[in-house]
Amino acid sequence: MWKIIVSAFWMVFIAELGDKTQLQTMLLATQSKSVLGVFIGAASALVLSALIGVFAGTYITKYIPPHYLQLSAGVAFIVIGMLTLWGKI
């Protein structure tokens, strides 16, 4: 179980570094008088988001093979990246 915990931690940690969510959280922290409140709110949101992802992933894989989900996610990330580069997002 520890291997899964460490793997999930690093995957999420690296994926979240420098993304829009982290930048928005930094901006909110600069504008807030309660840095602890920003931290608690942001941490709670990340935990809830992960919880939804885990339950949705568990439910969806009962009906769609993980290979198709992985392929779909990869294609979606490529499309979003291209749209971002072209200034459409």
Protein backbone atom coordinates (compact mmCIF):
# COMPACT_ATOMS: atom_id res chain seq x y z
CA MET A 1 0.00 0.00 0.00
CA TRP A 2 2.86 2.42 0.73
CA LYS A 3 4.09 2.11 -2.83
CA ILE A 4 0.69 3.28 -4.11
CA ILE A 5 0.58 6.15 -1.60
CA VAL A 6 4.06 7.39 -2.52
CA SER A 7 3.37 6.99 -6.24
CA ALA A 8 0.07 8.89 -6.02
CA PHE A 9 1.67 11.62 -3.90
CA TRP A 10 4.49 12.28 -6.35
CA MET A 11 2.26 12.05 -9.40
CA VAL A 12 -0.19 14.63 -8.01
CA PHE A 13 2.54 16.81 -6.50
CA ILE A 14 4.50 17.07 -9.76
CA ALA A 15 1.34 17.54 -11.83
CA GLU A 16 0.14 20.39 -9.61
CA LEU A 17 3.43 22.32 -9.53
CA GLY A 18 3.13 25.49 -11.56
CA ASP A 19 -0.36 24.81 -12.86
CA LYS A 20 -3.20 27.32 -12.94
CA THR A 21 -4.53 26.14 -9.59
CA GLN A 22 -1.25 26.75 -7.81
CA LEU A 23 -0.81 30.14 -9.45
CA GLN A 24 -4.37 31.14 -8.49
CA THR A 25 -3.76 29.97 -4.91
CA MET A 26 -0.57 32.05 -4.74
CA LEU A 27 -2.47 35.08 -6.03
CA LEU A 28 -5.25 34.55 -3.50
CA ALA A 29 -2.67 34.26 -0.70
CA THR A 30 -1.17 37.62 -1.67
CA GLN A 31 -4.59 39.27 -1.49
CA SER A 32 -5.80 37.61 1.70
CA LYS A 33 -5.26 38.50 5.32
CA SER A 34 -5.70 34.82 6.24
CA VAL A 35 -2.99 32.73 4.65
CA LEU A 36 -4.08 29.81 6.83
CA GLY A 37 -7.63 30.17 5.47
CA VAL A 38 -6.32 30.06 1.89
CA PHE A 39 -4.27 26.97 2.71
CA ILE A 40 -7.17 25.16 4.38
CA GLY A 41 -9.56 26.05 1.54
CA ALA A 42 -7.11 25.03 -1.19
CA ALA A 43 -6.09 21.82 0.58
CA SER A 44 -9.74 20.88 1.17
CA ALA A 45 -10.55 21.49 -2.48
CA LEU A 46 -7.66 19.27 -3.60
CA VAL A 47 -8.72 16.51 -1.21
CA LEU A 48 -12.34 16.68 -2.42
CA SER A 49 -11.21 16.72 -6.04
CA ALA A 50 -9.04 13.64 -5.45
CA LEU A 51 -11.89 11.89 -3.64
CA ILE A 52 -14.22 12.50 -6.57
CA GLY A 53 -11.52 11.27 -8.96
CA VAL A 54 -10.99 8.06 -7.01
CA PHE A 55 -14.70 7.25 -6.77
CA ALA A 56 -15.39 8.23 -10.39
CA GLY A 57 -12.41 6.18 -11.57
CA THR A 58 -13.56 3.17 -9.59
CA TYR A 59 -17.11 3.46 -10.95
CA ILE A 60 -16.17 4.18 -14.57
CA THR A 61 -13.70 1.29 -14.85
CA LYS A 62 -16.54 -1.11 -14.12
CA TYR A 63 -17.97 -0.17 -17.53
CA ILE A 64 -15.01 1.10 -19.58
CA PRO A 65 -11.62 -0.66 -19.66
CA PRO A 66 -8.79 1.43 -18.13
CA HIS A 67 -6.86 1.30 -21.42
CA TYR A 68 -9.59 3.30 -23.18
CA LEU A 69 -9.74 5.82 -20.34
CA GLN A 70 -5.97 6.30 -20.47
CA LEU A 71 -6.05 6.74 -24.23
CA SER A 72 -8.94 9.21 -24.00
CA ALA A 73 -7.19 11.22 -21.28
CA GLY A 74 -4.00 11.35 -23.35
CA VAL A 75 -5.85 12.58 -26.43
CA ALA A 76 -7.75 15.15 -24.34
CA PHE A 77 -4.50 16.52 -22.86
CA ILE A 78 -2.94 16.78 -26.31
CA VAL A 79 -5.99 18.62 -27.68
CA ILE A 80 -6.07 20.99 -24.69
CA GLY A 81 -2.32 21.63 -25.08
CA MET A 82 -2.72 22.42 -28.78
CA LEU A 83 -5.66 24.73 -28.12
CA THR A 84 -3.63 26.48 -25.43
CA LEU A 85 -0.69 26.95 -27.80
CA TRP A 86 -3.00 28.34 -30.47
CA GLY A 87 -4.53 30.77 -27.97
CA LYS A 88 -8.02 29.26 -28.10
CA ILE A 89 -8.15 28.60 -24.36
